[in-house]
Amino acid sequence: MQNKLQNGEGKQLSTMDEDARLLSKRGQSVAGYNVQIAVDSKHHLIVAEKVTNDGNDIKQLAPMLENAQEVLQPEDLVGLADS
């Protein structure tokens, strides 16, 4: 793990989980993952999911909508997101 930091392969290092990154949760920094899901509004079933260590959700909405559209094949698709 130390070699990764010394070789410039990352700015963060978790001794418990090498893939985890510092994320902001309720005003505190925690090591973890960013989980995205897409849900069918009629049956409330998860139709798409993605787990990433990217601390920002901004790049996640479009791929989730595309995955949900591929699975559900609806005429119209409504996407909701938090900020």
PDB file of N, CA and C in Angstrom:
ATOM      1  N   MET A   1       0.816  -1.193   0.000  1.00  0.00           N
ATOM      2  CA  MET A   1       0.000   0.000   0.000  1.00  0.00           C
ATOM      3  C   MET A   1       0.862   1.260   0.000  1.00  0.00           C
ATOM      4  N   GLN A   2       1.910   1.236   0.778  1.00  0.00           N
ATOM      5  CA  GLN A   2       2.776   2.415   0.824  1.00  0.00           C
ATOM      6  C   GLN A   2       3.398   2.681  -0.535  1.00  0.00           C
ATOM      7  N   ASN A   3       3.706   1.619  -1.273  1.00  0.00           N
ATOM      8  CA  ASN A   3       4.273   1.782  -2.610  1.00  0.00           C
ATOM      9  C   ASN A   3       3.323   2.545  -3.523  1.00  0.00           C
ATOM     10  N   LYS A   4       2.025   2.288  -3.389  1.00  0.00           N
ATOM     11  CA  LYS A   4       1.041   2.989  -4.213  1.00  0.00           C
ATOM     12  C   LYS A   4       1.090   4.487  -3.967  1.00  0.00           C
ATOM     13  N   LEU A   5       1.180   4.881  -2.706  1.00  0.00           N
ATOM     14  CA  LEU A   5       1.258   6.308  -2.384  1.00  0.00           C
ATOM     15  C   LEU A   5       2.573   6.905  -2.868  1.00  0.00           C
ATOM     16  N   GLN A   6       3.652   6.196  -2.655  1.00  0.00           N
ATOM     17  CA  GLN A   6       4.965   6.701  -3.059  1.00  0.00           C
ATOM     18  C   GLN A   6       5.083   6.804  -4.574  1.00  0.00           C
ATOM     19  N   ASN A   7       4.421   5.900  -5.292  1.00  0.00           N
ATOM     20  CA  ASN A   7       4.459   5.920  -6.755  1.00  0.00           C
ATOM     21  C   ASN A   7       3.428   6.869  -7.350  1.00  0.00           C
ATOM     22  N   GLY A   8       2.696   7.574  -6.506  1.00  0.00           N
ATOM     23  CA  GLY A   8       1.718   8.549  -6.990  1.00  0.00           C
ATOM     24  C   GLY A   8       0.459   7.937  -7.551  1.00  0.00           C
ATOM     25  N   GLU A   9       0.106   6.728  -7.120  1.00  0.00           N
ATOM     26  CA  GLU A   9      -1.075   6.049  -7.643  1.00  0.00           C
ATOM     27  C   GLU A   9      -2.360   6.445  -6.920  1.00  0.00           C
ATOM     28  N   GLY A  10      -2.294   7.405  -6.054  1.00  0.00           N
ATOM     29  CA  GLY A  10      -3.497   7.853  -5.363  1.00  0.00           C
ATOM     30  C   GLY A  10      -3.161   8.856  -4.290  1.00  0.00           C
ATOM     31  N   LYS A  11      -4.163   9.607  -3.889  1.00  0.00           N
ATOM     32  CA  LYS A  11      -3.979  10.619  -2.853  1.00  0.00           C
ATOM     33  C   LYS A  11      -4.478  10.129  -1.504  1.00  0.00           C
ATOM     34  N   GLN A  12      -5.210   9.021  -1.495  1.00  0.00           N
ATOM     35  CA  GLN A  12      -5.778   8.510  -0.259  1.00  0.00           C
ATOM     36  C   GLN A  12      -5.382   7.051  -0.082  1.00  0.00           C
ATOM     37  N   LEU A  13      -5.312   6.627   1.169  1.00  0.00           N
ATOM     38  CA  LEU A  13      -4.970   5.250   1.479  1.00  0.00           C
ATOM     39  C   LEU A  13      -5.765   4.800   2.689  1.00  0.00           C
ATOM     40  N   SER A  14      -6.494   3.721   2.548  1.00  0.00           N
ATOM     41  CA  SER A  14      -7.226   3.134   3.662  1.00  0.00           C
ATOM     42  C   SER A  14      -6.550   1.820   4.025  1.00  0.00           C
ATOM     43  N   THR A  15      -6.186   1.671   5.268  1.00  0.00           N
ATOM     44  CA  THR A  15      -5.540   0.433   5.701  1.00  0.00           C
ATOM     45  C   THR A  15      -6.543  -0.709   5.838  1.00  0.00           C
ATOM     46  N   MET A  16      -7.828  -0.395   5.933  1.00  0.00           N
ATOM     47  CA  MET A  16      -8.862  -1.421   6.067  1.00  0.00           C
ATOM     48  C   MET A  16      -9.381  -1.893   4.711  1.00  0.00           C
ATOM     49  N   ASP A  17      -9.482  -0.977   3.754  1.00  0.00           N
ATOM     50  CA  ASP A  17     -10.037  -1.297   2.440  1.00  0.00           C
ATOM     51  C   ASP A  17      -9.362  -0.400   1.412  1.00  0.00           C
ATOM     52  N   GLU A  18      -8.502  -0.970   0.592  1.00  0.00           N
ATOM     53  CA  GLU A  18      -7.714  -0.179  -0.362  1.00  0.00           C
ATOM     54  C   GLU A  18      -8.569   0.594  -1.357  1.00  0.00           C
ATOM     55  N   ASP A  19      -9.759   0.096  -1.671  1.00  0.00           N
ATOM     56  CA  ASP A  19     -10.602   0.743  -2.677  1.00  0.00           C
ATOM     57  C   ASP A  19     -11.497   1.840  -2.108  1.00  0.00           C
ATOM     58  N   ALA A  20     -11.678   1.878  -0.799  1.00  0.00           N
ATOM     59  CA  ALA A  20     -12.536   2.893  -0.175  1.00  0.00           C
ATOM     60  C   ALA A  20     -11.887   4.274  -0.296  1.00  0.00           C
ATOM     61  N   ARG A  21     -12.729   5.305  -0.355  1.00  0.00           N
ATOM     62  CA  ARG A  21     -12.259   6.688  -0.427  1.00  0.00           C
ATOM     63  C   ARG A  21     -13.013   7.519   0.606  1.00  0.00           C
ATOM     64  N   LEU A  22     -12.423   8.647   0.984  1.00  0.00           N
ATOM     65  CA  LEU A  22     -13.094   9.536   1.928  1.00  0.00           C
ATOM     66  C   LEU A  22     -14.280  10.201   1.244  1.00  0.00           C
ATOM     67  N   LEU A  23     -15.439  10.055   1.841  1.00  0.00           N
ATOM     68  CA  LEU A  23     -16.667  10.654   1.342  1.00  0.00           C
ATOM     69  C   LEU A  23     -17.257  11.508   2.453  1.00  0.00           C
ATOM     70  N   SER A  24     -17.999  12.527   2.077  1.00  0.00           N
ATOM     71  CA  SER A  24     -18.646  13.390   3.061  1.00  0.00           C
ATOM     72  C   SER A  24     -20.032  12.838   3.363  1.00  0.00           C
ATOM     73  N   LYS A  25     -20.298  12.591   4.649  1.00  0.00           N
ATOM     74  CA  LYS A  25     -21.603  12.080   5.060  1.00  0.00           C
ATOM     75  C   LYS A  25     -22.038  12.838   6.301  1.00  0.00           C
ATOM     76  N   ARG A  26     -23.122  13.598   6.165  1.00  0.00           N
ATOM     77  CA  ARG A  26     -23.663  14.399   7.271  1.00  0.00           C
ATOM     78  C   ARG A  26     -22.594  15.287   7.901  1.00  0.00           C
ATOM     79  N   GLY A  27     -21.782  15.896   7.057  1.00  0.00           N
ATOM     80  CA  GLY A  27     -20.778  16.841   7.520  1.00  0.00           C
ATOM     81  C   GLY A  27     -19.499  16.220   8.049  1.00  0.00           C
ATOM     82  N   GLN A  28     -19.382  14.901   7.976  1.00  0.00           N
ATOM     83  CA  GLN A  28     -18.173  14.227   8.434  1.00  0.00           C
ATOM     84  C   GLN A  28     -17.568  13.424   7.296  1.00  0.00           C
ATOM     85  N   SER A  29     -16.264  13.237   7.333  1.00  0.00           N
ATOM     86  CA  SER A  29     -15.582  12.406   6.347  1.00  0.00           C
ATOM     87  C   SER A  29     -15.552  10.967   6.832  1.00  0.00           C
ATOM     88  N   VAL A  30     -15.986  10.062   5.957  1.00  0.00           N
ATOM     89  CA  VAL A  30     -15.962   8.635   6.271  1.00  0.00           C
ATOM     90  C   VAL A  30     -15.378   7.883   5.084  1.00  0.00           C
ATOM     91  N   ALA A  31     -14.649   6.820   5.349  1.00  0.00           N
ATOM     92  CA  ALA A  31     -14.138   5.971   4.272  1.00  0.00           C
ATOM     93  C   ALA A  31     -15.277   5.078   3.810  1.00  0.00           C
ATOM     94  N   GLY A  32     -15.516   5.052   2.510  1.00  0.00           N
ATOM     95  CA  GLY A  32     -16.623   4.236   2.030  1.00  0.00           C
ATOM     96  C   GLY A  32     -16.756   4.271   0.527  1.00  0.00           C
ATOM     97  N   TYR A  33     -17.956   3.982   0.077  1.00  0.00           N
ATOM     98  CA  TYR A  33     -18.284   3.894  -1.340  1.00  0.00           C
ATOM     99  C   TYR A  33     -19.524   4.729  -1.637  1.00  0.00           C
ATOM    100  N   ASN A  34     -19.700   5.062  -2.894  1.00  0.00           N
ATOM    101  CA  ASN A  34     -20.849   5.808  -3.366  1.00  0.00           C
ATOM    102  C   ASN A  34     -21.733   4.816  -4.125  1.00  0.00           C
ATOM    103  N   VAL A  35     -22.927   4.555  -3.634  1.00  0.00           N
ATOM    104  CA  VAL A  35     -23.816   3.561  -4.227  1.00  0.00           C
ATOM    105  C   VAL A  35     -24.976   4.264  -4.920  1.00  0.00           C
ATOM    106  N   GLN A  36     -25.237   3.866  -6.153  1.00  0.00           N
ATOM    107  CA  GLN A  36     -26.342   4.409  -6.937  1.00  0.00           C
ATOM    108  C   GLN A  36     -27.290   3.267  -7.278  1.00  0.00           C
ATOM    109  N   ILE A  37     -28.598   3.544  -7.260  1.00  0.00           N
ATOM    110  CA  ILE A  37     -29.581   2.552  -7.690  1.00  0.00           C
ATOM    111  C   ILE A  37     -30.648   3.229  -8.541  1.00  0.00           C
ATOM    112  N   ALA A  38     -31.256   2.440  -9.413  1.00  0.00           N
ATOM    113  CA  ALA A  38     -32.428   2.867 -10.177  1.00  0.00           C
ATOM    114  C   ALA A  38     -33.546   1.886  -9.823  1.00  0.00           C
ATOM    115  N   VAL A  39     -34.736   2.422  -9.544  1.00  0.00           N
ATOM    116  CA  VAL A  39     -35.842   1.608  -9.047  1.00  0.00           C
ATOM    117  C   VAL A  39     -37.052   1.760  -9.959  1.00  0.00           C
ATOM    118  N   ASP A  40     -37.730   0.654 -10.213  1.00  0.00           N
ATOM    119  CA  ASP A  40     -38.992   0.654 -10.946  1.00  0.00           C
ATOM    120  C   ASP A  40     -40.065   1.228 -10.020  1.00  0.00           C
ATOM    121  N   SER A  41     -40.700   2.322 -10.422  1.00  0.00           N
ATOM    122  CA  SER A  41     -41.657   3.002  -9.537  1.00  0.00           C
ATOM    123  C   SER A  41     -42.945   2.204  -9.318  1.00  0.00           C
ATOM    124  N   LYS A  42     -43.278   1.305 -10.216  1.00  0.00           N
ATOM    125  CA  LYS A  42     -44.512   0.525 -10.057  1.00  0.00           C
ATOM    126  C   LYS A  42     -44.343  -0.595  -9.029  1.00  0.00           C
ATOM    127  N   HIS A  43     -43.246  -1.332  -9.127  1.00  0.00           N
ATOM    128  CA  HIS A  43     -43.041  -2.496  -8.261  1.00  0.00           C
ATOM    129  C   HIS A  43     -41.986  -2.264  -7.179  1.00  0.00           C
ATOM    130  N   HIS A  44     -41.309  -1.124  -7.249  1.00  0.00           N
ATOM    131  CA  HIS A  44     -40.275  -0.758  -6.273  1.00  0.00           C
ATOM    132  C   HIS A  44     -39.122  -1.763  -6.236  1.00  0.00           C
ATOM    133  N   LEU A  45     -38.763  -2.279  -7.408  1.00  0.00           N
ATOM    134  CA  LEU A  45     -37.642  -3.208  -7.519  1.00  0.00           C
ATOM    135  C   LEU A  45     -36.434  -2.487  -8.099  1.00  0.00           C
ATOM    136  N   ILE A  46     -35.260  -2.849  -7.631  1.00  0.00           N
ATOM    137  CA  ILE A  46     -34.022  -2.271  -8.161  1.00  0.00           C
ATOM    138  C   ILE A  46     -33.776  -2.859  -9.545  1.00  0.00           C
ATOM    139  N   VAL A  47     -33.613  -1.990 -10.540  1.00  0.00           N
ATOM    140  CA  VAL A  47     -33.379  -2.446 -11.909  1.00  0.00           C
ATOM    141  C   VAL A  47     -31.962  -2.158 -12.385  1.00  0.00           C
ATOM    142  N   ALA A  48     -31.234  -1.314 -11.663  1.00  0.00           N
ATOM    143  CA  ALA A  48     -29.841  -1.018 -12.013  1.00  0.00           C
ATOM    144  C   ALA A  48     -29.119  -0.559 -10.755  1.00  0.00           C
ATOM    145  N   GLU A  49     -27.826  -0.860 -10.686  1.00  0.00           N
ATOM    146  CA  GLU A  49     -27.023  -0.444  -9.538  1.00  0.00           C
ATOM    147  C   GLU A  49     -25.592  -0.188  -9.984  1.00  0.00           C
ATOM    148  N   LYS A  50     -24.904   0.640  -9.214  1.00  0.00           N
ATOM    149  CA  LYS A  50     -23.485   0.907  -9.466  1.00  0.00           C
ATOM    150  C   LYS A  50     -22.844   1.320  -8.148  1.00  0.00           C
ATOM    151  N   VAL A  51     -21.690   0.742  -7.869  1.00  0.00           N
ATOM    152  CA  VAL A  51     -20.911   1.088  -6.685  1.00  0.00           C
ATOM    153  C   VAL A  51     -19.602   1.688  -7.175  1.00  0.00           C
ATOM    154  N   THR A  52     -19.279   2.869  -6.677  1.00  0.00           N
ATOM    155  CA  THR A  52     -18.066   3.556  -7.092  1.00  0.00           C
ATOM    156  C   THR A  52     -17.400   4.194  -5.878  1.00  0.00           C
ATOM    157  N   ASN A  53     -16.137   4.525  -6.019  1.00  0.00           N
ATOM    158  CA  ASN A  53     -15.471   5.254  -4.938  1.00  0.00           C
ATOM    159  C   ASN A  53     -15.314   6.727  -5.297  1.00  0.00           C
ATOM    160  N   ASP A  54     -16.030   7.169  -6.325  1.00  0.00           N
ATOM    161  CA  ASP A  54     -16.051   8.580  -6.711  1.00  0.00           C
ATOM    162  C   ASP A  54     -16.899   9.348  -5.697  1.00  0.00           C
ATOM    163  N   GLY A  55     -16.343  10.382  -5.105  1.00  0.00           N
ATOM    164  CA  GLY A  55     -17.044  11.138  -4.078  1.00  0.00           C
ATOM    165  C   GLY A  55     -18.137  12.046  -4.593  1.00  0.00           C
ATOM    166  N   ASN A  56     -18.262  12.194  -5.909  1.00  0.00           N
ATOM    167  CA  ASN A  56     -19.238  13.105  -6.484  1.00  0.00           C
ATOM    168  C   ASN A  56     -20.243  12.325  -7.328  1.00  0.00           C
ATOM    169  N   ASP A  57     -21.532  12.591  -7.126  1.00  0.00           N
ATOM    170  CA  ASP A  57     -22.600  11.895  -7.854  1.00  0.00           C
ATOM    171  C   ASP A  57     -22.854  12.441  -9.252  1.00  0.00           C
ATOM    172  N   ILE A  58     -22.268  13.562  -9.593  1.00  0.00           N
ATOM    173  CA  ILE A  58     -22.666  14.281 -10.807  1.00  0.00           C
ATOM    174  C   ILE A  58     -22.533  13.442 -12.087  1.00  0.00           C
ATOM    175  N   LYS A  59     -21.598  12.516 -12.116  1.00  0.00           N
ATOM    176  CA  LYS A  59     -21.396  11.690 -13.316  1.00  0.00           C
ATOM    177  C   LYS A  59     -22.218  10.408 -13.282  1.00  0.00           C
ATOM    178  N   GLN A  60     -23.009  10.206 -12.258  1.00  0.00           N
ATOM    179  CA  GLN A  60     -23.694   8.929 -12.068  1.00  0.00           C
ATOM    180  C   GLN A  60     -25.128   8.894 -12.597  1.00  0.00           C
ATOM    181  N   LEU A  61     -25.798  10.031 -12.698  1.00  0.00           N
ATOM    182  CA  LEU A  61     -27.217  10.041 -13.060  1.00  0.00           C
ATOM    183  C   LEU A  61     -27.473   9.526 -14.477  1.00  0.00           C
ATOM    184  N   ALA A  62     -26.778  10.048 -15.458  1.00  0.00           N
ATOM    185  CA  ALA A  62     -27.023   9.640 -16.849  1.00  0.00           C
ATOM    186  C   ALA A  62     -26.809   8.137 -17.063  1.00  0.00           C
ATOM    187  N   PRO A  63     -25.711   7.550 -16.566  1.00  0.00           N
ATOM    188  CA  PRO A  63     -25.559   6.098 -16.735  1.00  0.00           C
ATOM    189  C   PRO A  63     -26.661   5.286 -16.043  1.00  0.00           C
ATOM    190  N   MET A  64     -27.130   5.753 -14.886  1.00  0.00           N
ATOM    191  CA  MET A  64     -28.213   5.047 -14.195  1.00  0.00           C
ATOM    192  C   MET A  64     -29.496   5.097 -15.016  1.00  0.00           C
ATOM    193  N   LEU A  65     -29.796   6.266 -15.587  1.00  0.00           N
ATOM    194  CA  LEU A  65     -30.993   6.392 -16.427  1.00  0.00           C
ATOM    195  C   LEU A  65     -30.888   5.512 -17.668  1.00  0.00           C
ATOM    196  N   GLU A  66     -29.708   5.467 -18.268  1.00  0.00           N
ATOM    197  CA  GLU A  66     -29.504   4.614 -19.448  1.00  0.00           C
ATOM    198  C   GLU A  66     -29.688   3.142 -19.102  1.00  0.00           C
ATOM    199  N   ASN A  67     -29.138   2.711 -17.968  1.00  0.00           N
ATOM    200  CA  ASN A  67     -29.293   1.315 -17.543  1.00  0.00           C
ATOM    201  C   ASN A  67     -30.750   0.985 -17.251  1.00  0.00           C
ATOM    202  N   ALA A  68     -31.447   1.881 -16.567  1.00  0.00           N
ATOM    203  CA  ALA A  68     -32.859   1.659 -16.255  1.00  0.00           C
ATOM    204  C   ALA A  68     -33.691   1.603 -17.531  1.00  0.00           C
ATOM    205  N   GLN A  69     -33.392   2.472 -18.472  1.00  0.00           N
ATOM    206  CA  GLN A  69     -34.133   2.483 -19.735  1.00  0.00           C
ATOM    207  C   GLN A  69     -33.912   1.186 -20.507  1.00  0.00           C
ATOM    208  N   GLU A  70     -32.694   0.680 -20.481  1.00  0.00           N
ATOM    209  CA  GLU A  70     -32.382  -0.576 -21.166  1.00  0.00           C
ATOM    210  C   GLU A  70     -33.153  -1.745 -20.552  1.00  0.00           C
ATOM    211  N   VAL A  71     -33.248  -1.766 -19.227  1.00  0.00           N
ATOM    212  CA  VAL A  71     -33.935  -2.859 -18.534  1.00  0.00           C
ATOM    213  C   VAL A  71     -35.451  -2.741 -18.672  1.00  0.00           C
ATOM    214  N   LEU A  72     -35.996  -1.553 -18.421  1.00  0.00           N
ATOM    215  CA  LEU A  72     -37.445  -1.362 -18.373  1.00  0.00           C
ATOM    216  C   LEU A  72     -38.074  -1.110 -19.735  1.00  0.00           C
ATOM    217  N   GLN A  73     -37.328  -0.516 -20.643  1.00  0.00           N
ATOM    218  CA  GLN A  73     -37.801  -0.136 -21.976  1.00  0.00           C
ATOM    219  C   GLN A  73     -39.129   0.628 -21.924  1.00  0.00           C
ATOM    220  N   PRO A  74     -39.184   1.705 -21.137  1.00  0.00           N
ATOM    221  CA  PRO A  74     -40.423   2.480 -21.030  1.00  0.00           C
ATOM    222  C   PRO A  74     -40.576   3.451 -22.198  1.00  0.00           C
ATOM    223  N   GLU A  75     -41.816   3.931 -22.388  1.00  0.00           N
ATOM    224  CA  GLU A  75     -42.032   4.989 -23.373  1.00  0.00           C
ATOM    225  C   GLU A  75     -41.439   6.291 -22.857  1.00  0.00           C
ATOM    226  N   ASP A  76     -41.657   6.565 -21.577  1.00  0.00           N
ATOM    227  CA  ASP A  76     -41.118   7.755 -20.917  1.00  0.00           C
ATOM    228  C   ASP A  76     -40.330   7.310 -19.691  1.00  0.00           C
ATOM    229  N   LEU A  77     -39.304   8.068 -19.366  1.00  0.00           N
ATOM    230  CA  LEU A  77     -38.491   7.757 -18.193  1.00  0.00           C
ATOM    231  C   LEU A  77     -38.284   9.034 -17.392  1.00  0.00           C
ATOM    232  N   VAL A  78     -38.568   8.981 -16.102  1.00  0.00           N
ATOM    233  CA  VAL A  78     -38.384  10.125 -15.218  1.00  0.00           C
ATOM    234  C   VAL A  78     -37.258   9.794 -14.254  1.00  0.00           C
ATOM    235  N   GLY A  79     -36.276  10.682 -14.179  1.00  0.00           N
ATOM    236  CA  GLY A  79     -35.166  10.490 -13.254  1.00  0.00           C
ATOM    237  C   GLY A  79     -35.220  11.509 -12.134  1.00  0.00           C
ATOM    238  N   LEU A  80     -35.013  11.061 -10.912  1.00  0.00           N
ATOM    239  CA  LEU A  80     -34.967  11.936  -9.744  1.00  0.00           C
ATOM    240  C   LEU A  80     -33.623  11.762  -9.064  1.00  0.00           C
ATOM    241  N   ALA A  81     -33.079  12.859  -8.543  1.00  0.00           N
ATOM    242  CA  ALA A  81     -31.782  12.795  -7.868  1.00  0.00           C
ATOM    243  C   ALA A  81     -31.779  13.743  -6.684  1.00  0.00           C
ATOM    244  N   ASP A  82     -30.945  13.434  -5.699  1.00  0.00           N
ATOM    245  CA  ASP A  82     -30.767  14.351  -4.579  1.00  0.00           C
ATOM    246  C   ASP A  82     -29.526  15.192  -4.838  1.00  0.00           C
ATOM    247  N   SER A  83     -29.296  16.143  -3.975  1.00  0.00           N
ATOM    248  CA  SER A  83     -28.110  16.981  -4.175  1.00  0.00           C
ATOM    249  C   SER A  83     -27.279  17.033  -2.918  1.00  0.00           C
TER     250      SER A  83
END
